Amino acid sequence: MAARLQPSDCKSMPDVRVEIDRLDVELLALFAEREGYINRAAEIKQVEDIPANVPERVEAVIANARRLADEHGLDGEFYATLWRQLVSHSIAMEDEVLEK
């Protein structure tokens, strides 16, 4: 396994591309893990008769994403929008389980 390079250690575009591809693999693995928790949440919500969409929880998750993005020096509004789409997808997945 090749050593991970920090952005400042990349000497060429191939170096940068390798690191971006590595991060994409890790990010998608984390999204897959997150989806596992979404699936479990849907199962629990079904038993406990909780709706897929809990607006106050949605807003808390979005606010948390915005805050964390800001703390990392990222564009909080962009990541809040991205997380809103992620949460919307998660709710749709939960709805499918709850409709069964």
PDB file of N, CA and C in Angstrom:
ATOM      1  N   MET A   1       0.848  -1.180   0.000  1.00  0.00           N
ATOM      2  CA  MET A   1       0.000   0.000   0.000  1.00  0.00           C
ATOM      3  C   MET A   1       0.893   1.243   0.000  1.00  0.00           C
ATOM      4  N   ALA A   2       0.603   2.153  -0.903  1.00  0.00           N
ATOM      5  CA  ALA A   2       1.393   3.377  -1.005  1.00  0.00           C
ATOM      6  C   ALA A   2       1.090   4.297   0.175  1.00  0.00           C
ATOM      7  N   ALA A   3       2.087   5.059   0.537  1.00  0.00           N
ATOM      8  CA  ALA A   3       1.908   6.015   1.629  1.00  0.00           C
ATOM      9  C   ALA A   3       0.923   7.103   1.204  1.00  0.00           C
ATOM     10  N   ARG A   4       0.130   7.524   2.150  1.00  0.00           N
ATOM     11  CA  ARG A   4      -0.795   8.623   1.887  1.00  0.00           C
ATOM     12  C   ARG A   4       0.004   9.917   1.822  1.00  0.00           C
ATOM     13  N   LEU A   5      -0.352  10.754   0.877  1.00  0.00           N
ATOM     14  CA  LEU A   5       0.303  12.046   0.748  1.00  0.00           C
ATOM     15  C   LEU A   5      -0.625  13.140   1.259  1.00  0.00           C
ATOM     16  N   GLN A   6      -0.066  14.088   1.941  1.00  0.00           N
ATOM     17  CA  GLN A   6      -0.807  15.286   2.299  1.00  0.00           C
ATOM     18  C   GLN A   6      -0.903  16.144   1.041  1.00  0.00           C
ATOM     19  N   PRO A   7      -1.885  17.023   0.941  1.00  0.00           N
ATOM     20  CA  PRO A   7      -1.993  17.850  -0.259  1.00  0.00           C
ATOM     21  C   PRO A   7      -0.681  18.566  -0.606  1.00  0.00           C
ATOM     22  N   SER A   8      -0.026  19.099   0.399  1.00  0.00           N
ATOM     23  CA  SER A   8       1.218  19.837   0.138  1.00  0.00           C
ATOM     24  C   SER A   8       2.366  18.939  -0.321  1.00  0.00           C
ATOM     25  N   ASP A   9       2.244  17.627  -0.112  1.00  0.00           N
ATOM     26  CA  ASP A   9       3.285  16.685  -0.530  1.00  0.00           C
ATOM     27  C   ASP A   9       3.088  16.172  -1.955  1.00  0.00           C
ATOM     28  N   CYS A  10       1.944  16.449  -2.552  1.00  0.00           N
ATOM     29  CA  CYS A  10       1.692  16.018  -3.926  1.00  0.00           C
ATOM     30  C   CYS A  10       2.551  16.854  -4.869  1.00  0.00           C
ATOM     31  N   LYS A  11       3.301  16.171  -5.712  1.00  0.00           N
ATOM     32  CA  LYS A  11       4.222  16.848  -6.623  1.00  0.00           C
ATOM     33  C   LYS A  11       3.694  16.916  -8.050  1.00  0.00           C
ATOM     34  N   SER A  12       2.607  16.194  -8.324  1.00  0.00           N
ATOM     35  CA  SER A  12       2.082  16.148  -9.684  1.00  0.00           C
ATOM     36  C   SER A  12       0.581  15.905  -9.649  1.00  0.00           C
ATOM     37  N   MET A  13      -0.066  16.125 -10.790  1.00  0.00           N
ATOM     38  CA  MET A  13      -1.494  15.827 -10.875  1.00  0.00           C
ATOM     39  C   MET A  13      -1.777  14.349 -10.648  1.00  0.00           C
ATOM     40  N   PRO A  14      -0.958  13.421 -11.141  1.00  0.00           N
ATOM     41  CA  PRO A  14      -1.216  12.017 -10.798  1.00  0.00           C
ATOM     42  C   PRO A  14      -1.202  11.772  -9.286  1.00  0.00           C
ATOM     43  N   ASP A  15      -0.303  12.427  -8.560  1.00  0.00           N
ATOM     44  CA  ASP A  15      -0.293  12.304  -7.093  1.00  0.00           C
ATOM     45  C   ASP A  15      -1.620  12.772  -6.512  1.00  0.00           C
ATOM     46  N   VAL A  16      -2.088  13.924  -6.966  1.00  0.00           N
ATOM     47  CA  VAL A  16      -3.348  14.499  -6.472  1.00  0.00           C
ATOM     48  C   VAL A  16      -4.509  13.561  -6.804  1.00  0.00           C
ATOM     49  N   ARG A  17      -4.529  13.058  -8.028  1.00  0.00           N
ATOM     50  CA  ARG A  17      -5.633  12.184  -8.454  1.00  0.00           C
ATOM     51  C   ARG A  17      -5.671  10.894  -7.658  1.00  0.00           C
ATOM     52  N   VAL A  18      -4.525  10.319  -7.368  1.00  0.00           N
ATOM     53  CA  VAL A  18      -4.482   9.099  -6.555  1.00  0.00           C
ATOM     54  C   VAL A  18      -5.093   9.360  -5.186  1.00  0.00           C
ATOM     55  N   GLU A  19      -4.747  10.483  -4.584  1.00  0.00           N
ATOM     56  CA  GLU A  19      -5.265  10.796  -3.244  1.00  0.00           C
ATOM     57  C   GLU A  19      -6.758  11.100  -3.274  1.00  0.00           C
ATOM     58  N   ILE A  20      -7.219  11.789  -4.303  1.00  0.00           N
ATOM     59  CA  ILE A  20      -8.660  12.054  -4.417  1.00  0.00           C
ATOM     60  C   ILE A  20      -9.416  10.745  -4.609  1.00  0.00           C
ATOM     61  N   ASP A  21      -8.898   9.864  -5.463  1.00  0.00           N
ATOM     62  CA  ASP A  21      -9.552   8.558  -5.668  1.00  0.00           C
ATOM     63  C   ASP A  21      -9.578   7.751  -4.374  1.00  0.00           C
ATOM     64  N   ARG A  22      -8.492   7.790  -3.613  1.00  0.00           N
ATOM     65  CA  ARG A  22      -8.437   7.091  -2.325  1.00  0.00           C
ATOM     66  C   ARG A  22      -9.507   7.629  -1.390  1.00  0.00           C
ATOM     67  N   LEU A  23      -9.610   8.943  -1.329  1.00  0.00           N
ATOM     68  CA  LEU A  23     -10.625   9.546  -0.457  1.00  0.00           C
ATOM     69  C   LEU A  23     -12.038   9.200  -0.913  1.00  0.00           C
ATOM     70  N   ASP A  24     -12.272   9.154  -2.221  1.00  0.00           N
ATOM     71  CA  ASP A  24     -13.597   8.790  -2.722  1.00  0.00           C
ATOM     72  C   ASP A  24     -13.979   7.374  -2.281  1.00  0.00           C
ATOM     73  N   VAL A  25     -13.029   6.449  -2.316  1.00  0.00           N
ATOM     74  CA  VAL A  25     -13.285   5.082  -1.839  1.00  0.00           C
ATOM     75  C   VAL A  25     -13.670   5.112  -0.361  1.00  0.00           C
ATOM     76  N   GLU A  26     -12.925   5.875   0.433  1.00  0.00           N
ATOM     77  CA  GLU A  26     -13.206   5.954   1.872  1.00  0.00           C
ATOM     78  C   GLU A  26     -14.545   6.636   2.147  1.00  0.00           C
ATOM     79  N   LEU A  27     -14.831   7.708   1.418  1.00  0.00           N
ATOM     80  CA  LEU A  27     -16.105   8.414   1.618  1.00  0.00           C
ATOM     81  C   LEU A  27     -17.294   7.512   1.290  1.00  0.00           C
ATOM     82  N   LEU A  28     -17.203   6.789   0.185  1.00  0.00           N
ATOM     83  CA  LEU A  28     -18.320   5.920  -0.191  1.00  0.00           C
ATOM     84  C   LEU A  28     -18.480   4.769   0.784  1.00  0.00           C
ATOM     85  N   ALA A  29     -17.389   4.277   1.340  1.00  0.00           N
ATOM     86  CA  ALA A  29     -17.494   3.251   2.378  1.00  0.00           C
ATOM     87  C   ALA A  29     -18.211   3.820   3.604  1.00  0.00           C
ATOM     88  N   LEU A  30     -17.925   5.055   3.952  1.00  0.00           N
ATOM     89  CA  LEU A  30     -18.608   5.694   5.083  1.00  0.00           C
ATOM     90  C   LEU A  30     -20.089   5.924   4.780  1.00  0.00           C
ATOM     91  N   PHE A  31     -20.397   6.313   3.544  1.00  0.00           N
ATOM     92  CA  PHE A  31     -21.809   6.472   3.178  1.00  0.00           C
ATOM     93  C   PHE A  31     -22.538   5.134   3.234  1.00  0.00           C
ATOM     94  N   ALA A  32     -21.875   4.055   2.828  1.00  0.00           N
ATOM     95  CA  ALA A  32     -22.479   2.726   2.922  1.00  0.00           C
ATOM     96  C   ALA A  32     -22.739   2.360   4.383  1.00  0.00           C
ATOM     97  N   GLU A  33     -21.799   2.677   5.249  1.00  0.00           N
ATOM     98  CA  GLU A  33     -21.992   2.423   6.681  1.00  0.00           C
ATOM     99  C   GLU A  33     -23.160   3.243   7.209  1.00  0.00           C
ATOM    100  N   ARG A  34     -23.237   4.514   6.803  1.00  0.00           N
ATOM    101  CA  ARG A  34     -24.327   5.386   7.231  1.00  0.00           C
ATOM    102  C   ARG A  34     -25.667   4.810   6.771  1.00  0.00           C
ATOM    103  N   GLU A  35     -25.696   4.302   5.537  1.00  0.00           N
ATOM    104  CA  GLU A  35     -26.936   3.736   5.016  1.00  0.00           C
ATOM    105  C   GLU A  35     -27.379   2.519   5.830  1.00  0.00           C
ATOM    106  N   GLY A  36     -26.428   1.760   6.343  1.00  0.00           N
ATOM    107  CA  GLY A  36     -26.772   0.645   7.218  1.00  0.00           C
ATOM    108  C   GLY A  36     -27.529   1.123   8.453  1.00  0.00           C
ATOM    109  N   TYR A  37     -27.089   2.256   9.008  1.00  0.00           N
ATOM    110  CA  TYR A  37     -27.790   2.818  10.163  1.00  0.00           C
ATOM    111  C   TYR A  37     -29.160   3.363   9.772  1.00  0.00           C
ATOM    112  N   ILE A  38     -29.266   3.903   8.578  1.00  0.00           N
ATOM    113  CA  ILE A  38     -30.569   4.384   8.097  1.00  0.00           C
ATOM    114  C   ILE A  38     -31.533   3.204   7.974  1.00  0.00           C
ATOM    115  N   ASN A  39     -31.047   2.105   7.428  1.00  0.00           N
ATOM    116  CA  ASN A  39     -31.899   0.912   7.310  1.00  0.00           C
ATOM    117  C   ASN A  39     -32.345   0.415   8.677  1.00  0.00           C
ATOM    118  N   ARG A  40     -31.423   0.418   9.631  1.00  0.00           N
ATOM    119  CA  ARG A  40     -31.779  -0.023  10.985  1.00  0.00           C
ATOM    120  C   ARG A  40     -32.766   0.939  11.618  1.00  0.00           C
ATOM    121  N   ALA A  41     -32.567   2.234  11.403  1.00  0.00           N
ATOM    122  CA  ALA A  41     -33.507   3.228  11.935  1.00  0.00           C
ATOM    123  C   ALA A  41     -34.906   2.976  11.395  1.00  0.00           C
ATOM    124  N   ALA A  42     -35.004   2.640  10.109  1.00  0.00           N
ATOM    125  CA  ALA A  42     -36.319   2.369   9.514  1.00  0.00           C
ATOM    126  C   ALA A  42     -36.980   1.174  10.188  1.00  0.00           C
ATOM    127  N   GLU A  43     -36.196   0.138  10.462  1.00  0.00           N
ATOM    128  CA  GLU A  43     -36.751  -1.038  11.146  1.00  0.00           C
ATOM    129  C   GLU A  43     -37.263  -0.676  12.536  1.00  0.00           C
ATOM    130  N   ILE A  44     -36.486   0.106  13.253  1.00  0.00           N
ATOM    131  CA  ILE A  44     -36.890   0.519  14.603  1.00  0.00           C
ATOM    132  C   ILE A  44     -38.103   1.427  14.540  1.00  0.00           C
ATOM    133  N   LYS A  45     -38.113   2.360  13.590  1.00  0.00           N
ATOM    134  CA  LYS A  45     -39.254   3.266  13.447  1.00  0.00           C
ATOM    135  C   LYS A  45     -40.532   2.493  13.138  1.00  0.00           C
ATOM    136  N   GLN A  46     -40.392   1.420  12.370  1.00  0.00           N
ATOM    137  CA  GLN A  46     -41.552   0.598  12.039  1.00  0.00           C
ATOM    138  C   GLN A  46     -42.144  -0.023  13.300  1.00  0.00           C
ATOM    139  N   VAL A  47     -41.308  -0.551  14.169  1.00  0.00           N
ATOM    140  CA  VAL A  47     -41.747  -1.184  15.415  1.00  0.00           C
ATOM    141  C   VAL A  47     -42.306  -0.151  16.384  1.00  0.00           C
ATOM    142  N   GLU A  48     -41.641   0.999  16.451  1.00  0.00           N
ATOM    143  CA  GLU A  48     -42.034   2.026  17.419  1.00  0.00           C
ATOM    144  C   GLU A  48     -43.043   3.027  16.859  1.00  0.00           C
ATOM    145  N   ASP A  49     -43.501   2.796  15.624  1.00  0.00           N
ATOM    146  CA  ASP A  49     -44.497   3.653  14.973  1.00  0.00           C
ATOM    147  C   ASP A  49     -44.053   5.120  14.943  1.00  0.00           C
ATOM    148  N   ILE A  50     -42.849   5.321  14.447  1.00  0.00           N
ATOM    149  CA  ILE A  50     -42.282   6.658  14.281  1.00  0.00           C
ATOM    150  C   ILE A  50     -42.243   6.933  12.779  1.00  0.00           C
ATOM    151  N   PRO A  51     -42.633   8.136  12.339  1.00  0.00           N
ATOM    152  CA  PRO A  51     -42.589   8.424  10.904  1.00  0.00           C
ATOM    153  C   PRO A  51     -41.145   8.545  10.409  1.00  0.00           C
ATOM    154  N   ALA A  52     -40.966   8.345   9.107  1.00  0.00           N
ATOM    155  CA  ALA A  52     -39.631   8.484   8.514  1.00  0.00           C
ATOM    156  C   ALA A  52     -39.144   9.924   8.647  1.00  0.00           C
ATOM    157  N   ASN A  53     -40.029  10.858   8.401  1.00  0.00           N
ATOM    158  CA  ASN A  53     -39.651  12.272   8.438  1.00  0.00           C
ATOM    159  C   ASN A  53     -40.000  12.879   9.793  1.00  0.00           C
ATOM    160  N   VAL A  54     -38.973  13.184  10.545  1.00  0.00           N
ATOM    161  CA  VAL A  54     -39.129  13.865  11.834  1.00  0.00           C
ATOM    162  C   VAL A  54     -38.456  15.236  11.654  1.00  0.00           C
ATOM    163  N   PRO A  55     -39.249  16.269  11.297  1.00  0.00           N
ATOM    164  CA  PRO A  55     -38.681  17.547  10.892  1.00  0.00           C
ATOM    165  C   PRO A  55     -37.660  18.156  11.857  1.00  0.00           C
ATOM    166  N   GLU A  56     -37.904  18.046  13.156  1.00  0.00           N
ATOM    167  CA  GLU A  56     -36.939  18.648  14.093  1.00  0.00           C
ATOM    168  C   GLU A  56     -35.593  17.909  14.047  1.00  0.00           C
ATOM    169  N   ARG A  57     -35.629  16.600  13.820  1.00  0.00           N
ATOM    170  CA  ARG A  57     -34.391  15.836  13.685  1.00  0.00           C
ATOM    171  C   ARG A  57     -33.692  16.193  12.378  1.00  0.00           C
ATOM    172  N   VAL A  58     -34.455  16.345  11.309  1.00  0.00           N
ATOM    173  CA  VAL A  58     -33.878  16.737  10.020  1.00  0.00           C
ATOM    174  C   VAL A  58     -33.129  18.054  10.169  1.00  0.00           C
ATOM    175  N   GLU A  59     -33.778  19.024  10.789  1.00  0.00           N
ATOM    176  CA  GLU A  59     -33.144  20.346  10.939  1.00  0.00           C
ATOM    177  C   GLU A  59     -31.919  20.283  11.838  1.00  0.00           C
ATOM    178  N   ALA A  60     -31.939  19.428  12.858  1.00  0.00           N
ATOM    179  CA  ALA A  60     -30.767  19.270  13.730  1.00  0.00           C
ATOM    180  C   ALA A  60     -29.597  18.668  12.956  1.00  0.00           C
ATOM    181  N   VAL A  61     -29.881  17.682  12.108  1.00  0.00           N
ATOM    182  CA  VAL A  61     -28.824  17.057  11.307  1.00  0.00           C
ATOM    183  C   VAL A  61     -28.230  18.065  10.329  1.00  0.00           C
ATOM    184  N   ILE A  62     -29.080  18.862   9.693  1.00  0.00           N
ATOM    185  CA  ILE A  62     -28.614  19.871   8.734  1.00  0.00           C
ATOM    186  C   ILE A  62     -27.779  20.933   9.450  1.00  0.00           C
ATOM    187  N   ALA A  63     -28.251  21.391  10.582  1.00  0.00           N
ATOM    188  CA  ALA A  63     -27.500  22.398  11.350  1.00  0.00           C
ATOM    189  C   ALA A  63     -26.154  21.847  11.786  1.00  0.00           C
ATOM    190  N   ASN A  64     -26.119  20.589  12.175  1.00  0.00           N
ATOM    191  CA  ASN A  64     -24.869  19.964  12.587  1.00  0.00           C
ATOM    192  C   ASN A  64     -23.891  19.882  11.412  1.00  0.00           C
ATOM    193  N   ALA A  65     -24.378  19.514  10.237  1.00  0.00           N
ATOM    194  CA  ALA A  65     -23.519  19.445   9.049  1.00  0.00           C
ATOM    195  C   ALA A  65     -22.957  20.823   8.721  1.00  0.00           C
ATOM    196  N   ARG A  66     -23.804  21.844   8.795  1.00  0.00           N
ATOM    197  CA  ARG A  66     -23.354  23.215   8.519  1.00  0.00           C
ATOM    198  C   ARG A  66     -22.279  23.628   9.520  1.00  0.00           C
ATOM    199  N   ARG A  67     -22.521  23.348  10.787  1.00  0.00           N
ATOM    200  CA  ARG A  67     -21.564  23.732  11.837  1.00  0.00           C
ATOM    201  C   ARG A  67     -20.235  23.015  11.645  1.00  0.00           C
ATOM    202  N   LEU A  68     -20.288  21.705  11.399  1.00  0.00           N
ATOM    203  CA  LEU A  68     -19.054  20.947  11.215  1.00  0.00           C
ATOM    204  C   LEU A  68     -18.292  21.407   9.984  1.00  0.00           C
ATOM    205  N   ALA A  69     -19.013  21.691   8.900  1.00  0.00           N
ATOM    206  CA  ALA A  69     -18.355  22.205   7.698  1.00  0.00           C
ATOM    207  C   ALA A  69     -17.649  23.523   8.010  1.00  0.00           C
ATOM    208  N   ASP A  70     -18.358  24.412   8.675  1.00  0.00           N
ATOM    209  CA  ASP A  70     -17.752  25.697   9.052  1.00  0.00           C
ATOM    210  C   ASP A  70     -16.508  25.496   9.905  1.00  0.00           C
ATOM    211  N   GLU A  71     -16.573  24.569  10.859  1.00  0.00           N
ATOM    212  CA  GLU A  71     -15.423  24.302  11.729  1.00  0.00           C
ATOM    213  C   GLU A  71     -14.209  23.792  10.952  1.00  0.00           C
ATOM    214  N   HIS A  72     -14.470  23.130   9.829  1.00  0.00           N
ATOM    215  CA  HIS A  72     -13.385  22.608   9.000  1.00  0.00           C
ATOM    216  C   HIS A  72     -12.961  23.588   7.909  1.00  0.00           C
ATOM    217  N   GLY A  73     -13.501  24.797   7.962  1.00  0.00           N
ATOM    218  CA  GLY A  73     -13.147  25.805   6.972  1.00  0.00           C
ATOM    219  C   GLY A  73     -13.794  25.581   5.618  1.00  0.00           C
ATOM    220  N   LEU A  74     -14.881  24.832   5.611  1.00  0.00           N
ATOM    221  CA  LEU A  74     -15.605  24.543   4.378  1.00  0.00           C
ATOM    222  C   LEU A  74     -16.803  25.478   4.254  1.00  0.00           C
ATOM    223  N   ASP A  75     -17.417  25.474   3.111  1.00  0.00           N
ATOM    224  CA  ASP A  75     -18.601  26.283   2.839  1.00  0.00           C
ATOM    225  C   ASP A  75     -19.813  25.629   3.511  1.00  0.00           C
ATOM    226  N   GLY A  76     -20.192  26.142   4.663  1.00  0.00           N
ATOM    227  CA  GLY A  76     -21.279  25.565   5.444  1.00  0.00           C
ATOM    228  C   GLY A  76     -22.588  25.469   4.687  1.00  0.00           C
ATOM    229  N   GLU A  77     -22.898  26.477   3.890  1.00  0.00           N
ATOM    230  CA  GLU A  77     -24.159  26.466   3.145  1.00  0.00           C
ATOM    231  C   GLU A  77     -24.164  25.353   2.095  1.00  0.00           C
ATOM    232  N   PHE A  78     -23.051  25.164   1.406  1.00  0.00           N
ATOM    233  CA  PHE A  78     -22.949  24.098   0.415  1.00  0.00           C
ATOM    234  C   PHE A  78     -23.179  22.742   1.071  1.00  0.00           C
ATOM    235  N   TYR A  79     -22.500  22.493   2.201  1.00  0.00           N
ATOM    236  CA  TYR A  79     -22.629  21.186   2.847  1.00  0.00           C
ATOM    237  C   TYR A  79     -23.982  21.006   3.510  1.00  0.00           C
ATOM    238  N   ALA A  80     -24.597  22.072   3.956  1.00  0.00           N
ATOM    239  CA  ALA A  80     -25.963  21.960   4.470  1.00  0.00           C
ATOM    240  C   ALA A  80     -26.908  21.531   3.351  1.00  0.00           C
ATOM    241  N   THR A  81     -26.730  22.099   2.171  1.00  0.00           N
ATOM    242  CA  THR A  81     -27.547  21.727   1.018  1.00  0.00           C
ATOM    243  C   THR A  81     -27.299  20.270   0.626  1.00  0.00           C
ATOM    244  N   LEU A  82     -26.042  19.885   0.599  1.00  0.00           N
ATOM    245  CA  LEU A  82     -25.695  18.504   0.282  1.00  0.00           C
ATOM    246  C   LEU A  82     -26.303  17.550   1.302  1.00  0.00           C
ATOM    247  N   TRP A  83     -26.216  17.902   2.587  1.00  0.00           N
ATOM    248  CA  TRP A  83     -26.771  17.047   3.646  1.00  0.00           C
ATOM    249  C   TRP A  83     -28.288  17.011   3.573  1.00  0.00           C
ATOM    250  N   ARG A  84     -28.902  18.106   3.177  1.00  0.00           N
ATOM    251  CA  ARG A  84     -30.366  18.100   3.038  1.00  0.00           C
ATOM    252  C   ARG A  84     -30.774  17.077   1.974  1.00  0.00           C
ATOM    253  N   GLN A  85     -30.007  16.998   0.895  1.00  0.00           N
ATOM    254  CA  GLN A  85     -30.282  16.009  -0.148  1.00  0.00           C
ATOM    255  C   GLN A  85     -30.038  14.594   0.381  1.00  0.00           C
ATOM    256  N   LEU A  86     -28.962  14.405   1.136  1.00  0.00           N
ATOM    257  CA  LEU A  86     -28.653  13.107   1.737  1.00  0.00           C
ATOM    258  C   LEU A  86     -29.780  12.670   2.678  1.00  0.00           C
ATOM    259  N   VAL A  87     -30.226  13.582   3.512  1.00  0.00           N
ATOM    260  CA  VAL A  87     -31.297  13.271   4.464  1.00  0.00           C
ATOM    261  C   VAL A  87     -32.602  12.987   3.721  1.00  0.00           C
ATOM    262  N   SER A  88     -32.885  13.743   2.678  1.00  0.00           N
ATOM    263  CA  SER A  88     -34.094  13.505   1.884  1.00  0.00           C
ATOM    264  C   SER A  88     -34.076  12.102   1.277  1.00  0.00           C
ATOM    265  N   HIS A  89     -32.921  11.692   0.793  1.00  0.00           N
ATOM    266  CA  HIS A  89     -32.772  10.335   0.251  1.00  0.00           C
ATOM    267  C   HIS A  89     -32.979   9.296   1.355  1.00  0.00           C
ATOM    268  N   SER A  90     -32.440   9.561   2.519  1.00  0.00           N
ATOM    269  CA  SER A  90     -32.585   8.641   3.655  1.00  0.00           C
ATOM    270  C   SER A  90     -34.042   8.499   4.065  1.00  0.00           C
ATOM    271  N   ILE A  91     -34.757   9.604   4.086  1.00  0.00           N
ATOM    272  CA  ILE A  91     -36.184   9.568   4.432  1.00  0.00           C
ATOM    273  C   ILE A  91     -36.951   8.746   3.404  1.00  0.00           C
ATOM    274  N   ALA A  92     -36.620   8.919   2.133  1.00  0.00           N
ATOM    275  CA  ALA A  92     -37.288   8.137   1.085  1.00  0.00           C
ATOM    276  C   ALA A  92     -37.015   6.646   1.272  1.00  0.00           C
ATOM    277  N   MET A  93     -35.790   6.293   1.639  1.00  0.00           N
ATOM    278  CA  MET A  93     -35.457   4.889   1.902  1.00  0.00           C
ATOM    279  C   MET A  93     -36.262   4.362   3.086  1.00  0.00           C
ATOM    280  N   GLU A  94     -36.351   5.152   4.147  1.00  0.00           N
ATOM    281  CA  GLU A  94     -37.118   4.734   5.331  1.00  0.00           C
ATOM    282  C   GLU A  94     -38.591   4.584   4.971  1.00  0.00           C
ATOM    283  N   ASP A  95     -39.110   5.503   4.194  1.00  0.00           N
ATOM    284  CA  ASP A  95     -40.520   5.419   3.789  1.00  0.00           C
ATOM    285  C   ASP A  95     -40.815   4.103   3.085  1.00  0.00           C
ATOM    286  N   GLU A  96     -39.890   3.659   2.245  1.00  0.00           N
ATOM    287  CA  GLU A  96     -40.091   2.372   1.549  1.00  0.00           C
ATOM    288  C   GLU A  96     -40.244   1.234   2.552  1.00  0.00           C
ATOM    289  N   VAL A  97     -39.423   1.228   3.589  1.00  0.00           N
ATOM    290  CA  VAL A  97     -39.508   0.182   4.627  1.00  0.00           C
ATOM    291  C   VAL A  97     -40.811   0.310   5.392  1.00  0.00           C
ATOM    292  N   LEU A  98     -41.168   1.539   5.758  1.00  0.00           N
ATOM    293  CA  LEU A  98     -42.355   1.754   6.572  1.00  0.00           C
ATOM    294  C   LEU A  98     -43.661   1.453   5.818  1.00  0.00           C
ATOM    295  N   GLU A  99     -43.631   1.538   4.499  1.00  0.00           N
ATOM    296  CA  GLU A  99     -44.819   1.246   3.697  1.00  0.00           C
ATOM    297  C   GLU A  99     -45.093  -0.246   3.595  1.00  0.00           C
ATOM    298  N   LYS A 100     -44.104  -1.074   3.905  1.00  0.00           N
ATOM    299  CA  LYS A 100     -44.264  -2.541   3.813  1.00  0.00           C
ATOM    300  C   LYS A 100     -45.052  -3.083   4.973  1.00  0.00           C
TER     301      LYS A 100
END
